């Protein structure tokens, strides 16, 4: 098997308090996860990222640029959080 080495940025996301949210209101928690995944998939695609794995309330992404896209993406996610999109 041949391996390819490359520099990349890795992003792991997680919904804080998800277990408590599920215990309190399961339907709301499921809606939150769906909204979260949909919003992140759109942003990740805009920044040439790809999903490596989805863990339900968390996701693992990879980006080809170790600096540029990661910086832009973090800014975008912070903006989305501030606007209540995530």
Foldseek 3Di string as FASTA:
>chain_A
DDDDDADKAKDKDFDPPLVVVCVVPVVVSLVVLVLVVVVVVVLCVVLQKDWPDDDRRMTMIMHRDHPDSVVVSVVVVVVCVVVVSD
